Amino acid sequence: MIKISFDITEESFEEIRELIENFKKDGFTEEDAYRAIFEMGIKVYQIERDNPNEDDLRRRLFLHGV
């Protein structure tokens, strides 16, 4: 397994903490919730990269900070 670290804004961290709490309600551990959020972000990026149509809902979500 590889560990990574990076800096994020306080605002982004607060959003992530809210997501973590939602994941925990669904039975995720905190570590698994962080991992899921990170992996979903990768998938959103890949979908956006492979589907650059501006009318695409995924693109609009991506452009608005998802």
PDB file of N, CA and C in Angstrom:
ATOM      1  N   MET A   1       0.848  -1.167   0.000  1.00  0.00           N
ATOM      2  CA  MET A   1       0.000   0.000   0.000  1.00  0.00           C
ATOM      3  C   MET A   1       0.899   1.237   0.000  1.00  0.00           C
ATOM      4  N   ILE A   2       0.433   2.291  -0.652  1.00  0.00           N
ATOM      5  CA  ILE A   2       1.176   3.548  -0.750  1.00  0.00           C
ATOM      6  C   ILE A   2       0.427   4.613   0.036  1.00  0.00           C
ATOM      7  N   LYS A   3       1.151   5.396   0.817  1.00  0.00           N
ATOM      8  CA  LYS A   3       0.555   6.529   1.537  1.00  0.00           C
ATOM      9  C   LYS A   3       0.890   7.797   0.779  1.00  0.00           C
ATOM     10  N   ILE A   4      -0.099   8.699   0.714  1.00  0.00           N
ATOM     11  CA  ILE A   4       0.139  10.000   0.091  1.00  0.00           C
ATOM     12  C   ILE A   4      -0.329  11.083   1.051  1.00  0.00           C
ATOM     13  N   SER A   5       0.207  12.268   0.876  1.00  0.00           N
ATOM     14  CA  SER A   5      -0.267  13.401   1.669  1.00  0.00           C
ATOM     15  C   SER A   5      -0.199  14.647   0.798  1.00  0.00           C
ATOM     16  N   PHE A   6      -1.097  15.583   1.076  1.00  0.00           N
ATOM     17  CA  PHE A   6      -1.134  16.833   0.338  1.00  0.00           C
ATOM     18  C   PHE A   6      -1.909  17.848   1.149  1.00  0.00           C
ATOM     19  N   ASP A   7      -1.732  19.109   0.835  1.00  0.00           N
ATOM     20  CA  ASP A   7      -2.424  20.183   1.523  1.00  0.00           C
ATOM     21  C   ASP A   7      -3.734  20.486   0.813  1.00  0.00           C
ATOM     22  N   ILE A   8      -4.771  20.792   1.610  1.00  0.00           N
ATOM     23  CA  ILE A   8      -6.048  21.232   1.065  1.00  0.00           C
ATOM     24  C   ILE A   8      -6.524  22.428   1.885  1.00  0.00           C
ATOM     25  N   THR A   9      -7.485  23.145   1.352  1.00  0.00           N
ATOM     26  CA  THR A   9      -8.010  24.295   2.070  1.00  0.00           C
ATOM     27  C   THR A   9      -8.875  23.837   3.240  1.00  0.00           C
ATOM     28  N   GLU A  10      -9.065  24.724   4.193  1.00  0.00           N
ATOM     29  CA  GLU A  10      -9.944  24.430   5.327  1.00  0.00           C
ATOM     30  C   GLU A  10     -11.357  24.142   4.831  1.00  0.00           C
ATOM     31  N   GLU A  11     -11.803  24.915   3.829  1.00  0.00           N
ATOM     32  CA  GLU A  11     -13.142  24.730   3.273  1.00  0.00           C
ATOM     33  C   GLU A  11     -13.311  23.330   2.697  1.00  0.00           C
ATOM     34  N   SER A  12     -12.323  22.881   1.923  1.00  0.00           N
ATOM     35  CA  SER A  12     -12.385  21.534   1.350  1.00  0.00           C
ATOM     36  C   SER A  12     -12.377  20.480   2.445  1.00  0.00           C
ATOM     37  N   PHE A  13     -11.585  20.716   3.482  1.00  0.00           N
ATOM     38  CA  PHE A  13     -11.513  19.752   4.575  1.00  0.00           C
ATOM     39  C   PHE A  13     -12.849  19.641   5.294  1.00  0.00           C
ATOM     40  N   GLU A  14     -13.530  20.767   5.484  1.00  0.00           N
ATOM     41  CA  GLU A  14     -14.846  20.731   6.122  1.00  0.00           C
ATOM     42  C   GLU A  14     -15.837  19.929   5.277  1.00  0.00           C
ATOM     43  N   GLU A  15     -15.782  20.110   3.954  1.00  0.00           N
ATOM     44  CA  GLU A  15     -16.652  19.350   3.060  1.00  0.00           C
ATOM     45  C   GLU A  15     -16.345  17.858   3.153  1.00  0.00           C
ATOM     46  N   ILE A  16     -15.075  17.530   3.210  1.00  0.00           N
ATOM     47  CA  ILE A  16     -14.663  16.130   3.318  1.00  0.00           C
ATOM     48  C   ILE A  16     -15.137  15.554   4.650  1.00  0.00           C
ATOM     49  N   ARG A  17     -15.025  16.309   5.725  1.00  0.00           N
ATOM     50  CA  ARG A  17     -15.476  15.814   7.026  1.00  0.00           C
ATOM     51  C   ARG A  17     -16.968  15.504   7.015  1.00  0.00           C
ATOM     52  N   GLU A  18     -17.749  16.337   6.334  1.00  0.00           N
ATOM     53  CA  GLU A  18     -19.182  16.060   6.212  1.00  0.00           C
ATOM     54  C   GLU A  18     -19.413  14.757   5.449  1.00  0.00           C
ATOM     55  N   LEU A  19     -18.665  14.587   4.358  1.00  0.00           N
ATOM     56  CA  LEU A  19     -18.786  13.346   3.588  1.00  0.00           C
ATOM     57  C   LEU A  19     -18.382  12.135   4.429  1.00  0.00           C
ATOM     58  N   ILE A  20     -17.327  12.281   5.206  1.00  0.00           N
ATOM     59  CA  ILE A  20     -16.851  11.190   6.056  1.00  0.00           C
ATOM     60  C   ILE A  20     -17.961  10.761   7.014  1.00  0.00           C
ATOM     61  N   GLU A  21     -18.630  11.743   7.617  1.00  0.00           N
ATOM     62  CA  GLU A  21     -19.715  11.423   8.545  1.00  0.00           C
ATOM     63  C   GLU A  21     -20.833  10.658   7.842  1.00  0.00           C
ATOM     64  N   ASN A  22     -21.148  11.056   6.606  1.00  0.00           N
ATOM     65  CA  ASN A  22     -22.170  10.336   5.840  1.00  0.00           C
ATOM     66  C   ASN A  22     -21.733   8.904   5.546  1.00  0.00           C
ATOM     67  N   PHE A  23     -20.488   8.725   5.165  1.00  0.00           N
ATOM     68  CA  PHE A  23     -19.968   7.382   4.903  1.00  0.00           C
ATOM     69  C   PHE A  23     -20.009   6.536   6.173  1.00  0.00           C
ATOM     70  N   LYS A  24     -19.647   7.136   7.306  1.00  0.00           N
ATOM     71  CA  LYS A  24     -19.650   6.399   8.562  1.00  0.00           C
ATOM     72  C   LYS A  24     -21.056   5.925   8.922  1.00  0.00           C
ATOM     73  N   LYS A  25     -22.077   6.717   8.597  1.00  0.00           N
ATOM     74  CA  LYS A  25     -23.462   6.307   8.839  1.00  0.00           C
ATOM     75  C   LYS A  25     -23.819   5.080   8.008  1.00  0.00           C
ATOM     76  N   ASP A  26     -23.117   4.915   6.879  1.00  0.00           N
ATOM     77  CA  ASP A  26     -23.345   3.759   6.011  1.00  0.00           C
ATOM     78  C   ASP A  26     -22.438   2.584   6.363  1.00  0.00           C
ATOM     79  N   GLY A  27     -21.718   2.686   7.477  1.00  0.00           N
ATOM     80  CA  GLY A  27     -20.911   1.571   7.944  1.00  0.00           C
ATOM     81  C   GLY A  27     -19.450   1.596   7.534  1.00  0.00           C
ATOM     82  N   PHE A  28     -18.993   2.647   6.869  1.00  0.00           N
ATOM     83  CA  PHE A  28     -17.586   2.748   6.486  1.00  0.00           C
ATOM     84  C   PHE A  28     -16.748   3.137   7.698  1.00  0.00           C
ATOM     85  N   THR A  29     -15.522   2.660   7.743  1.00  0.00           N
ATOM     86  CA  THR A  29     -14.577   3.196   8.712  1.00  0.00           C
ATOM     87  C   THR A  29     -14.111   4.545   8.175  1.00  0.00           C
ATOM     88  N   GLU A  30     -13.505   5.346   9.030  1.00  0.00           N
ATOM     89  CA  GLU A  30     -13.016   6.650   8.583  1.00  0.00           C
ATOM     90  C   GLU A  30     -11.975   6.482   7.471  1.00  0.00           C
ATOM     91  N   GLU A  31     -11.070   5.539   7.640  1.00  0.00           N
ATOM     92  CA  GLU A  31     -10.036   5.304   6.630  1.00  0.00           C
ATOM     93  C   GLU A  31     -10.647   4.879   5.300  1.00  0.00           C
ATOM     94  N   ASP A  32     -11.615   3.968   5.349  1.00  0.00           N
ATOM     95  CA  ASP A  32     -12.263   3.525   4.113  1.00  0.00           C
ATOM     96  C   ASP A  32     -13.041   4.661   3.456  1.00  0.00           C
ATOM     97  N   ALA A  33     -13.622   5.541   4.261  1.00  0.00           N
ATOM     98  CA  ALA A  33     -14.362   6.680   3.723  1.00  0.00           C
ATOM     99  C   ALA A  33     -13.419   7.629   2.981  1.00  0.00           C
ATOM    100  N   TYR A  34     -12.269   7.927   3.576  1.00  0.00           N
ATOM    101  CA  TYR A  34     -11.281   8.772   2.891  1.00  0.00           C
ATOM    102  C   TYR A  34     -10.862   8.131   1.572  1.00  0.00           C
ATOM    103  N   ARG A  35     -10.604   6.844   1.622  1.00  0.00           N
ATOM    104  CA  ARG A  35     -10.178   6.125   0.422  1.00  0.00           C
ATOM    105  C   ARG A  35     -11.271   6.194  -0.653  1.00  0.00           C
ATOM    106  N   ALA A  36     -12.526   5.986  -0.264  1.00  0.00           N
ATOM    107  CA  ALA A  36     -13.639   6.020  -1.219  1.00  0.00           C
ATOM    108  C   ALA A  36     -13.772   7.402  -1.859  1.00  0.00           C
ATOM    109  N   ILE A  37     -13.662   8.454  -1.052  1.00  0.00           N
ATOM    110  CA  ILE A  37     -13.758   9.816  -1.587  1.00  0.00           C
ATOM    111  C   ILE A  37     -12.647  10.065  -2.600  1.00  0.00           C
ATOM    112  N   PHE A  38     -11.444   9.679  -2.271  1.00  0.00           N
ATOM    113  CA  PHE A  38     -10.308   9.867  -3.166  1.00  0.00           C
ATOM    114  C   PHE A  38     -10.510   9.081  -4.465  1.00  0.00           C
ATOM    115  N   GLU A  39     -10.924   7.831  -4.344  1.00  0.00           N
ATOM    116  CA  GLU A  39     -11.116   6.999  -5.533  1.00  0.00           C
ATOM    117  C   GLU A  39     -12.264   7.501  -6.395  1.00  0.00           C
ATOM    118  N   MET A  40     -13.326   8.010  -5.771  1.00  0.00           N
ATOM    119  CA  MET A  40     -14.427   8.580  -6.557  1.00  0.00           C
ATOM    120  C   MET A  40     -13.963   9.818  -7.316  1.00  0.00           C
ATOM    121  N   GLY A  41     -13.115  10.611  -6.691  1.00  0.00           N
ATOM    122  CA  GLY A  41     -12.562  11.778  -7.372  1.00  0.00           C
ATOM    123  C   GLY A  41     -11.777  11.381  -8.612  1.00  0.00           C
ATOM    124  N   ILE A  42     -11.021  10.313  -8.511  1.00  0.00           N
ATOM    125  CA  ILE A  42     -10.263   9.815  -9.663  1.00  0.00           C
ATOM    126  C   ILE A  42     -11.223   9.400 -10.769  1.00  0.00           C
ATOM    127  N   LYS A  43     -12.292   8.690 -10.395  1.00  0.00           N
ATOM    128  CA  LYS A  43     -13.264   8.239 -11.403  1.00  0.00           C
ATOM    129  C   LYS A  43     -13.955   9.421 -12.079  1.00  0.00           C
ATOM    130  N   VAL A  44     -14.327  10.455 -11.309  1.00  0.00           N
ATOM    131  CA  VAL A  44     -14.953  11.644 -11.897  1.00  0.00           C
ATOM    132  C   VAL A  44     -14.001  12.283 -12.899  1.00  0.00           C
ATOM    133  N   TYR A  45     -12.732  12.385 -12.545  1.00  0.00           N
ATOM    134  CA  TYR A  45     -11.741  12.957 -13.459  1.00  0.00           C
ATOM    135  C   TYR A  45     -11.648  12.123 -14.738  1.00  0.00           C
ATOM    136  N   GLN A  46     -11.601  10.816 -14.602  1.00  0.00           N
ATOM    137  CA  GLN A  46     -11.495   9.950 -15.779  1.00  0.00           C
ATOM    138  C   GLN A  46     -12.731  10.069 -16.664  1.00  0.00           C
ATOM    139  N   ILE A  47     -13.916  10.121 -16.064  1.00  0.00           N
ATOM    140  CA  ILE A  47     -15.145  10.285 -16.840  1.00  0.00           C
ATOM    141  C   ILE A  47     -15.113  11.608 -17.585  1.00  0.00           C
ATOM    142  N   GLU A  48     -14.707  12.669 -16.899  1.00  0.00           N
ATOM    143  CA  GLU A  48     -14.626  13.994 -17.528  1.00  0.00           C
ATOM    144  C   GLU A  48     -13.636  13.976 -18.696  1.00  0.00           C
ATOM    145  N   ARG A  49     -12.507  13.388 -18.474  1.00  0.00           N
ATOM    146  CA  ARG A  49     -11.470  13.334 -19.508  1.00  0.00           C
ATOM    147  C   ARG A  49     -11.967  12.575 -20.731  1.00  0.00           C
ATOM    148  N   ASP A  50     -12.720  11.500 -20.516  1.00  0.00           N
ATOM    149  CA  ASP A  50     -13.184  10.659 -21.612  1.00  0.00           C
ATOM    150  C   ASP A  50     -14.481  11.160 -22.248  1.00  0.00           C
ATOM    151  N   ASN A  51     -15.163  12.121 -21.600  1.00  0.00           N
ATOM    152  CA  ASN A  51     -16.438  12.649 -22.089  1.00  0.00           C
ATOM    153  C   ASN A  51     -16.443  14.174 -21.984  1.00  0.00           C
ATOM    154  N   PRO A  52     -15.718  14.847 -22.854  1.00  0.00           N
ATOM    155  CA  PRO A  52     -15.556  16.298 -22.713  1.00  0.00           C
ATOM    156  C   PRO A  52     -16.746  17.136 -23.192  1.00  0.00           C
ATOM    157  N   ASN A  53     -17.879  16.543 -23.529  1.00  0.00           N
ATOM    158  CA  ASN A  53     -19.044  17.279 -23.999  1.00  0.00           C
ATOM    159  C   ASN A  53     -19.534  18.227 -22.909  1.00  0.00           C
ATOM    160  N   GLU A  54     -19.580  19.535 -23.201  1.00  0.00           N
ATOM    161  CA  GLU A  54     -19.964  20.521 -22.194  1.00  0.00           C
ATOM    162  C   GLU A  54     -21.397  20.369 -21.726  1.00  0.00           C
ATOM    163  N   ASP A  55     -22.265  19.749 -22.507  1.00  0.00           N
ATOM    164  CA  ASP A  55     -23.642  19.540 -22.095  1.00  0.00           C
ATOM    165  C   ASP A  55     -23.782  18.333 -21.167  1.00  0.00           C
ATOM    166  N   ASP A  56     -22.732  17.602 -21.020  1.00  0.00           N
ATOM    167  CA  ASP A  56     -22.739  16.408 -20.186  1.00  0.00           C
ATOM    168  C   ASP A  56     -22.870  16.800 -18.715  1.00  0.00           C
ATOM    169  N   LEU A  57     -23.792  16.183 -17.989  1.00  0.00           N
ATOM    170  CA  LEU A  57     -24.004  16.479 -16.580  1.00  0.00           C
ATOM    171  C   LEU A  57     -22.718  16.303 -15.777  1.00  0.00           C
ATOM    172  N   ARG A  58     -21.966  15.277 -16.082  1.00  0.00           N
ATOM    173  CA  ARG A  58     -20.725  15.038 -15.341  1.00  0.00           C
ATOM    174  C   ARG A  58     -19.777  16.207 -15.497  1.00  0.00           C
ATOM    175  N   ARG A  59     -19.714  16.795 -16.693  1.00  0.00           N
ATOM    176  CA  ARG A  59     -18.826  17.946 -16.912  1.00  0.00           C
ATOM    177  C   ARG A  59     -19.294  19.132 -16.083  1.00  0.00           C
ATOM    178  N   ARG A  60     -20.603  19.367 -16.070  1.00  0.00           N
ATOM    179  CA  ARG A  60     -21.114  20.490 -15.278  1.00  0.00           C
ATOM    180  C   ARG A  60     -20.808  20.285 -13.798  1.00  0.00           C
ATOM    181  N   LEU A  61     -20.944  19.063 -13.309  1.00  0.00           N
ATOM    182  CA  LEU A  61     -20.636  18.788 -11.929  1.00  0.00           C
ATOM    183  C   LEU A  61     -19.146  19.025 -11.669  1.00  0.00           C
ATOM    184  N   PHE A  62     -18.317  18.555 -12.563  1.00  0.00           N
ATOM    185  CA  PHE A  62     -16.879  18.700 -12.413  1.00  0.00           C
ATOM    186  C   PHE A  62     -16.486  20.183 -12.393  1.00  0.00           C
ATOM    187  N   LEU A  63     -17.078  20.977 -13.273  1.00  0.00           N
ATOM    188  CA  LEU A  63     -16.757  22.399 -13.359  1.00  0.00           C
ATOM    189  C   LEU A  63     -17.192  23.160 -12.125  1.00  0.00           C
ATOM    190  N   HIS A  64     -18.146  22.609 -11.390  1.00  0.00           N
ATOM    191  CA  HIS A  64     -18.635  23.295 -10.201  1.00  0.00           C
ATOM    192  C   HIS A  64     -18.017  22.742  -8.926  1.00  0.00           C
ATOM    193  N   GLY A  65     -16.880  22.092  -9.069  1.00  0.00           N
ATOM    194  CA  GLY A  65     -16.120  21.698  -7.890  1.00  0.00           C
ATOM    195  C   GLY A  65     -16.398  20.344  -7.289  1.00  0.00           C
ATOM    196  N   VAL A  66     -16.988  19.435  -8.049  1.00  0.00           N
ATOM    197  CA  VAL A  66     -17.212  18.091  -7.515  1.00  0.00           C
ATOM    198  C   VAL A  66     -15.931  17.312  -7.582  1.00  0.00           C
TER     199      VAL A  66
END
